[in-house]
């Protein structure tokens, strides 16, 4: 009897099934240090206990994307071990901060299935929830991933594509309990720009770039326990290249966005996202943002800003699609998210 896990293939999923993912993960200050070693992340709220306490929190939470990567990584052996590509995200809500000492585990429900016309693969839609040691939901999101079929003759399941919100409304966003930006120190945060300084339609070139290193990517995927074959095994693809984990690109772009958006302190909503083109070691990631919306929240001094974050392979800023409507070849990531910012 086989003891090893070959991973699930497209024909192994059933609509509505719930999957409890193995191996809970206790996070520590080590994850913060490694995150800041891998990415040039400098947002003050996740860097300084004293800054966080001045904003009404008990201590500095871990970077929101540490939570995302940890919860995501738990799902890989069951969802995307045999993936061709992770295709997109929607309805992502960061429900409460995660602190060193918290233990996270993940659960997913299959909410959609659609076999591709070539009969060799299909798209699996899952809604994943990450919970802490108290059973409290800290993160939920939908993602869809293209997964290979093992048996090409296996019958296709009935197609069901879920209806998803194109954008989270401001009232969908969860503001951390106690968060208060009325005494916010812009000098310590690094930039003076508050919510009222940004206009809808404004674009921001984040200027800086960072070249993706093979060793750093491999450290990141191991850190997040993301064992997808396309990231780990250079023999898995005909070109002999490992795909850079899409979350690695997200974190790199988010960190680069500090230059111009230093006060966009916490990610609270993920409206949508697409990994437009593959990223490989040696690519230099640059980023630009577009302000899509702003909103008030019920927390004192706290507003919300909706941003499009675009990562490119060194391409010119503010160019996203060609005349054919398709993403330009240098575009790596198109991410639509909400963040909290002082008013």
Protein backbone atom coordinates (compact mmCIF):
# COMPACT_ATOMS: atom_id res chain seq x y z
CA UNK A 1 0.00 0.00 0.00
CA UNK A 2 1.42 3.38 -1.02
CA UNK A 3 2.46 5.59 1.87
CA UNK A 4 3.35 8.70 -0.12
CA UNK A 5 1.07 11.48 -1.33
CA UNK A 6 1.15 12.04 -5.11
CA UNK A 7 -1.18 15.02 -4.74
CA UNK A 8 -4.68 15.42 -6.08
CA UNK A 9 -5.50 15.66 -9.75
CA UNK A 10 -8.46 17.44 -11.30
CA UNK A 11 -10.68 14.37 -11.35
CA UNK A 12 -10.16 13.88 -7.59
CA UNK A 13 -12.17 16.96 -6.55
CA UNK A 14 -15.87 17.05 -5.78
CA UNK A 15 -18.01 20.15 -5.61
CA UNK A 16 -18.82 21.07 -2.02
CA UNK A 17 -16.21 18.88 -0.34
CA UNK A 18 -14.37 20.33 2.66
CA UNK A 19 -10.65 19.71 3.05
CA UNK A 20 -8.86 20.13 6.38
CA UNK A 21 -5.22 20.85 5.63
CA UNK A 22 -2.49 19.20 7.66
CA UNK A 23 0.25 20.59 9.88
CA UNK A 24 -0.78 23.70 11.86
CA UNK A 25 1.93 26.33 12.05
CA UNK A 26 2.97 28.37 15.09
CA UNK A 27 4.44 31.69 14.03
CA UNK A 28 7.17 33.55 15.87
CA UNK A 29 9.36 36.60 15.53
CA UNK A 30 11.53 34.44 13.30
CA UNK A 31 8.96 34.68 10.52
CA UNK A 32 9.02 38.47 10.82
CA UNK A 33 12.81 38.57 10.60
CA UNK A 34 12.90 36.22 7.61
CA UNK A 35 10.10 38.12 5.87
CA UNK A 36 12.04 41.35 6.21
CA UNK A 37 15.19 39.60 5.00
CA UNK A 38 13.43 38.29 1.89
CA UNK A 39 11.53 41.47 1.00
CA UNK A 40 12.35 45.17 1.54
CA UNK A 41 9.27 45.51 3.80
CA UNK A 42 9.28 48.66 5.96
CA UNK A 43 5.71 49.47 6.96
CA UNK A 44 5.91 50.79 10.50
CA UNK A 45 2.90 49.04 12.02
CA UNK A 46 4.39 45.59 11.36
CA UNK A 47 7.92 46.69 12.27
CA UNK A 48 7.62 48.39 15.67
CA UNK A 49 5.81 47.30 18.82
CA UNK A 50 5.91 50.87 20.11
CA UNK A 51 4.45 52.30 16.90
CA UNK A 52 1.69 49.65 16.98
CA UNK A 53 0.86 50.40 20.63
CA UNK A 54 0.58 54.11 19.80
CA UNK A 55 -2.00 53.04 17.21
CA UNK A 56 -4.08 51.08 19.72
CA UNK A 57 -2.79 47.56 19.09
CA UNK A 58 -1.17 45.39 21.78
CA UNK A 59 2.02 44.89 19.74
CA UNK A 60 3.23 44.87 16.16
CA UNK A 61 1.27 42.29 14.18
CA UNK A 62 3.06 40.15 11.66
CA UNK A 63 2.94 41.48 8.11
CA UNK A 64 -0.45 40.63 6.65
CA UNK A 65 1.17 38.67 3.84
CA UNK A 66 2.93 36.44 6.39
CA UNK A 67 -0.57 35.32 7.34
CA UNK A 68 -1.52 34.92 3.69
CA UNK A 69 1.57 32.87 2.79
CA UNK A 70 1.22 30.64 5.85
CA UNK A 71 -2.46 29.89 5.28
CA UNK A 72 -1.86 29.45 1.54
CA UNK A 73 1.13 27.15 2.06
CA UNK A 74 -0.95 24.75 4.16
CA UNK A 75 -3.31 24.26 1.20
CA UNK A 76 -0.70 23.40 -1.42
CA UNK A 77 -0.41 19.62 -0.81
CA UNK A 78 -4.17 19.25 -1.23
CA UNK A 79 -4.98 21.91 -3.82
CA UNK A 80 -2.06 22.83 -6.03
CA UNK A 81 0.63 20.16 -5.77
CA UNK A 82 -0.10 19.19 -9.36
CA UNK A 83 -1.04 22.67 -10.51
CA UNK A 84 -0.17 24.09 -13.87
CA UNK A 85 -0.68 27.62 -12.55
CA UNK A 86 -2.47 29.59 -9.86
CA UNK A 87 -4.88 31.77 -11.81
CA UNK A 88 -6.51 34.31 -9.51
CA UNK A 89 -7.95 35.48 -6.20
CA UNK A 90 -11.16 37.10 -5.01
CA UNK A 91 -13.13 37.96 -1.86
CA UNK A 92 -10.03 38.00 0.34
CA UNK A 93 -10.64 39.38 3.83
CA UNK A 94 -8.00 39.81 6.52
CA UNK A 95 -10.24 39.43 9.55
CA UNK A 96 -7.88 40.11 12.45
CA UNK A 97 -4.17 40.59 13.08
CA UNK A 98 -1.84 37.67 13.71
CA UNK A 99 0.86 38.01 16.35
CA UNK A 100 3.97 35.99 17.20
CA UNK A 101 2.85 32.95 19.18
CA UNK A 102 -0.35 32.44 17.19
CA UNK A 103 -0.91 29.02 15.59
CA UNK A 104 -2.65 28.92 12.22
CA UNK A 105 -4.38 26.12 10.39
CA UNK A 106 -6.29 26.09 7.10
CA UNK A 107 -9.49 24.62 5.73
CA UNK A 108 -10.81 24.81 2.16
CA UNK A 109 -14.10 24.09 0.46
CA UNK A 110 -14.35 23.29 -3.25
CA UNK A 111 -16.83 25.83 -4.64
CA UNK A 112 -16.32 25.40 -8.39
CA UNK A 113 -15.03 23.01 -11.08
CA UNK A 114 -14.54 23.47 -14.83
CA UNK A 115 -12.66 21.10 -17.11
CA UNK A 116 -10.61 22.78 -19.84
CA UNK A 117 -11.51 22.16 -23.47
CA UNK A 118 -8.28 20.18 -24.07
CA UNK A 119 -9.40 17.57 -21.54
CA UNK A 120 -5.94 17.52 -19.97
CA UNK A 121 -6.59 19.83 -17.03
CA UNK A 122 -9.29 21.77 -15.25
CA UNK A 123 -9.84 24.74 -12.99
CA UNK A 124 -10.61 24.16 -9.30
CA UNK A 125 -12.16 26.99 -7.25
CA UNK A 126 -11.70 26.86 -3.46
CA UNK A 127 -12.64 29.10 -0.56
CA UNK A 128 -9.94 28.87 2.10
CA UNK A 129 -10.21 29.99 5.72
CA UNK A 130 -7.26 30.36 8.07
CA UNK A 131 -7.97 30.11 11.80
CA UNK A 132 -5.90 30.70 14.90
CA UNK A 133 -5.53 28.51 18.00
CA UNK A 134 -8.81 29.86 19.38
CA UNK A 135 -10.69 28.84 16.26
CA UNK A 136 -11.12 32.48 15.19
CA UNK A 137 -10.99 33.17 11.46
CA UNK A 138 -8.03 35.42 10.64
CA UNK A 139 -8.18 35.22 6.84
CA UNK A 140 -10.49 33.97 4.12
CA UNK A 141 -10.13 34.11 0.35
CA UNK A 142 -11.14 32.40 -2.87
CA UNK A 143 -8.59 31.25 -5.38
CA UNK A 144 -8.77 29.25 -8.57
CA UNK A 145 -6.02 27.03 -9.86
CA UNK A 146 -5.46 24.99 -13.02
CA UNK A 147 -4.76 21.36 -12.09
CA UNK A 148 -3.62 18.50 -14.32
CA UNK A 149 -5.70 15.40 -14.93
CA UNK A 150 -4.04 12.07 -14.22
CA UNK A 151 -6.54 9.98 -16.18
CA UNK A 152 -7.41 11.77 -19.40
CA UNK A 153 -10.36 9.42 -19.85
CA UNK A 154 -11.89 10.32 -16.49
CA UNK A 155 -15.31 11.92 -17.04
CA UNK A 156 -15.52 15.67 -16.65
CA UNK A 157 -17.52 16.88 -13.66
CA UNK A 158 -20.50 19.11 -14.20
CA UNK A 159 -19.24 22.63 -14.76
CA UNK A 160 -19.95 25.08 -11.96
CA UNK A 161 -18.25 28.47 -11.83
CA UNK A 162 -19.08 30.42 -8.65
CA UNK A 163 -20.31 33.99 -8.75
CA UNK A 164 -17.80 36.13 -6.89
CA UNK A 165 -17.87 39.75 -5.81
CA UNK A 166 -15.78 41.85 -8.17
CA UNK A 167 -14.99 44.25 -5.32
CA UNK A 168 -15.41 44.12 -1.56
CA UNK A 169 -17.48 47.00 -0.24
CA UNK A 170 -15.97 49.14 2.53
CA UNK A 171 -18.44 47.65 5.02
CA UNK A 172 -17.04 44.18 4.19
CA UNK A 173 -13.65 45.19 5.58
CA UNK A 174 -12.65 44.15 9.10
CA UNK A 175 -10.81 46.88 11.00
CA UNK A 176 -8.75 45.50 13.93
CA UNK A 177 -10.30 46.12 17.33
CA UNK A 178 -8.72 49.13 19.03
CA UNK A 179 -7.00 50.52 15.93
CA UNK A 180 -6.78 54.30 16.30
CA UNK A 181 -4.80 56.54 13.95
CA UNK A 182 -5.70 59.87 15.60
CA UNK A 183 -2.19 60.11 17.07
CA UNK A 184 -0.47 58.65 14.02
CA UNK A 185 3.17 59.77 13.65
CA UNK A 186 3.88 60.34 9.97
CA UNK A 187 7.54 61.13 10.67
CA UNK A 188 8.11 57.69 12.18
CA UNK A 189 6.06 56.06 9.43
CA UNK A 190 8.32 57.53 6.77
CA UNK A 191 6.04 59.70 4.62
CA UNK A 192 3.58 62.55 5.25
CA UNK A 193 0.88 61.44 2.79
CA UNK A 194 -2.50 60.69 4.39
CA UNK A 195 -5.68 59.43 2.77
CA UNK A 196 -6.80 62.91 1.73
CA UNK A 197 -3.57 63.40 -0.19
CA UNK A 198 -4.49 60.69 -2.71
CA UNK A 199 -6.95 61.13 -5.56
CA UNK A 200 -8.91 58.42 -7.35
CA UNK A 201 -7.20 57.79 -10.67
CA UNK A 202 -3.79 58.86 -9.39
CA UNK A 203 -0.89 56.62 -10.42
CA UNK A 204 2.32 56.16 -8.47
CA UNK A 205 5.62 54.86 -9.83
CA UNK A 206 7.34 53.19 -6.88
CA UNK A 207 10.69 53.75 -8.61
CA UNK A 208 12.71 51.01 -6.91
CA UNK A 209 13.36 47.55 -8.31
CA UNK A 210 14.60 44.25 -6.92
CA UNK A 211 16.06 41.32 -8.86
CA UNK A 212 14.60 37.93 -7.96
CA UNK A 213 17.26 35.47 -6.80
CA UNK A 214 16.82 31.71 -7.10
CA UNK A 215 18.14 31.11 -3.58
CA UNK A 216 15.79 33.64 -2.00
CA UNK A 217 12.78 32.23 -3.82
CA UNK A 218 13.63 28.72 -2.68
CA UNK A 219 14.05 29.94 0.90
CA UNK A 220 10.65 31.63 0.68
CA UNK A 221 8.79 28.59 -0.64
CA UNK A 222 10.36 26.43 2.05
CA UNK A 223 9.56 29.02 4.71
CA UNK A 224 5.89 29.00 3.72
CA UNK A 225 5.96 25.19 3.31
CA UNK A 226 4.77 25.64 -0.26
CA UNK A 227 5.73 22.35 -1.93
CA UNK A 228 4.14 22.89 -5.36
CA UNK A 229 6.26 20.97 -7.86
CA UNK A 230 6.55 23.88 -10.30
CA UNK A 231 8.33 25.88 -7.59
CA UNK A 232 10.53 23.14 -6.14
CA UNK A 233 11.54 20.80 -8.95
CA UNK A 234 13.54 22.16 -11.87
CA UNK A 235 12.96 18.92 -13.81
CA UNK A 236 9.18 19.30 -13.67
CA UNK A 237 9.04 21.71 -16.62
CA UNK A 238 10.44 21.13 -20.09
CA UNK A 239 12.39 24.40 -19.97
CA UNK A 240 14.12 23.34 -16.74
CA UNK A 241 13.03 26.48 -14.92
CA UNK A 242 11.30 26.77 -11.59
CA UNK A 243 8.34 29.13 -11.56
CA UNK A 244 8.66 31.84 -8.93
CA UNK A 245 5.82 31.48 -6.41
CA UNK A 246 3.23 34.15 -7.20
CA UNK A 247 3.04 35.14 -3.54
CA UNK A 248 6.76 35.93 -3.66
CA UNK A 249 6.00 38.47 -6.39
CA UNK A 250 3.07 39.86 -4.37
CA UNK A 251 5.27 40.41 -1.30
CA UNK A 252 8.06 41.93 -3.36
CA UNK A 253 5.69 44.37 -5.07
CA UNK A 254 3.94 45.26 -1.82
CA UNK A 255 7.31 45.97 -0.17
CA UNK A 256 8.43 48.12 -3.11
CA UNK A 257 5.18 50.08 -2.86
CA UNK A 258 6.37 51.54 0.46
CA UNK A 259 8.00 54.28 -1.63
CA UNK A 260 4.87 56.36 -2.22
CA UNK A 261 2.46 54.36 -0.03
CA UNK A 262 4.31 54.12 3.29
CA UNK A 263 1.11 54.87 5.19
CA UNK A 264 -0.97 52.12 3.57
CA UNK A 265 -0.31 50.16 6.72
CA UNK A 266 -2.52 47.07 6.73
CA UNK A 267 -4.00 44.98 3.94
CA UNK A 268 -7.62 44.23 4.85
CA UNK A 269 -9.21 43.23 1.54
CA UNK A 270 -8.18 41.35 -1.58
CA UNK A 271 -10.65 42.16 -4.37
CA UNK A 272 -8.95 40.29 -7.15
CA UNK A 273 -5.62 39.31 -8.52
CA UNK A 274 -4.00 37.74 -11.54
CA UNK A 275 -0.53 36.38 -12.11
CA UNK A 276 -0.40 37.77 -15.62
CA UNK A 277 2.87 36.19 -16.78
CA UNK A 278 5.35 33.77 -15.22
CA UNK A 279 8.28 35.09 -13.21
CA UNK A 280 11.70 33.43 -13.17
CA UNK A 281 14.93 33.89 -11.26
CA UNK A 282 16.88 36.79 -12.71
CA UNK A 283 13.80 38.91 -13.43
CA UNK A 284 13.88 42.39 -11.91
CA UNK A 285 10.57 43.28 -10.28
CA UNK A 286 9.35 46.86 -10.34
CA UNK A 287 5.96 48.13 -9.23
CA UNK A 288 3.41 50.87 -9.74
CA UNK A 289 0.03 51.56 -8.18
CA UNK A 290 -3.24 53.20 -9.16
CA UNK A 291 -5.68 54.64 -6.63
CA UNK A 292 -9.08 53.08 -7.36
CA UNK A 293 -11.18 54.32 -4.44
CA UNK A 294 -11.11 55.69 -0.90
CA UNK A 295 -13.52 55.21 2.00
CA UNK A 296 -14.07 56.03 5.63
CA UNK A 297 -14.18 53.44 8.40
CA UNK A 298 -15.75 53.50 11.85
CA UNK A 299 -12.33 53.47 13.56
CA UNK A 300 -10.96 56.84 14.74
CA UNK A 301 -8.62 58.40 12.21
CA UNK A 302 -8.64 55.27 10.04
CA UNK A 303 -9.55 55.35 6.37
CA UNK A 304 -9.41 52.74 3.61
CA UNK A 305 -7.73 53.06 0.24
CA UNK A 306 -8.34 50.74 -2.67
CA UNK A 307 -5.27 50.22 -4.82
CA UNK A 308 -4.27 48.43 -7.97
CA UNK A 309 -0.74 47.11 -7.49
CA UNK A 310 1.05 46.09 -10.68
CA UNK A 311 4.38 44.28 -10.72
CA UNK A 312 6.39 44.27 -13.91
CA UNK A 313 9.49 42.61 -15.22
CA UNK A 314 11.24 45.95 -15.43
CA UNK A 315 8.59 47.26 -17.82
CA UNK A 316 7.54 50.87 -18.17
CA UNK A 317 5.11 52.05 -15.48
CA UNK A 318 1.39 52.62 -16.06
CA UNK A 319 1.18 50.22 -19.01
CA UNK A 320 -0.96 47.16 -18.35
CA UNK A 321 -2.61 45.75 -21.47
CA UNK A 322 -1.98 45.84 -25.19
CA UNK A 323 -4.40 46.82 -27.93
CA UNK A 324 -5.69 43.24 -27.92
CA UNK A 325 -6.80 43.58 -24.29
CA UNK A 326 -4.26 41.05 -23.06
CA UNK A 327 -1.68 41.73 -20.38
CA UNK A 328 1.60 43.00 -21.76
CA UNK A 329 4.39 40.39 -21.59
CA UNK A 330 6.32 42.33 -18.93
CA UNK A 331 3.37 42.44 -16.51
CA UNK A 332 3.75 39.86 -13.74
CA UNK A 333 0.99 40.77 -11.29
CA UNK A 334 -2.25 42.74 -11.30
CA UNK A 335 -3.56 42.94 -7.72
CA UNK A 336 -6.61 44.87 -6.48
CA UNK A 337 -6.65 45.36 -2.70
CA UNK A 338 -7.86 47.51 0.19
CA UNK A 339 -5.47 48.89 2.82
CA UNK A 340 -5.96 50.96 5.97
CA UNK A 341 -4.42 54.45 6.07
CA UNK A 342 -4.59 57.45 8.42
CA UNK A 343 -7.08 60.13 7.42
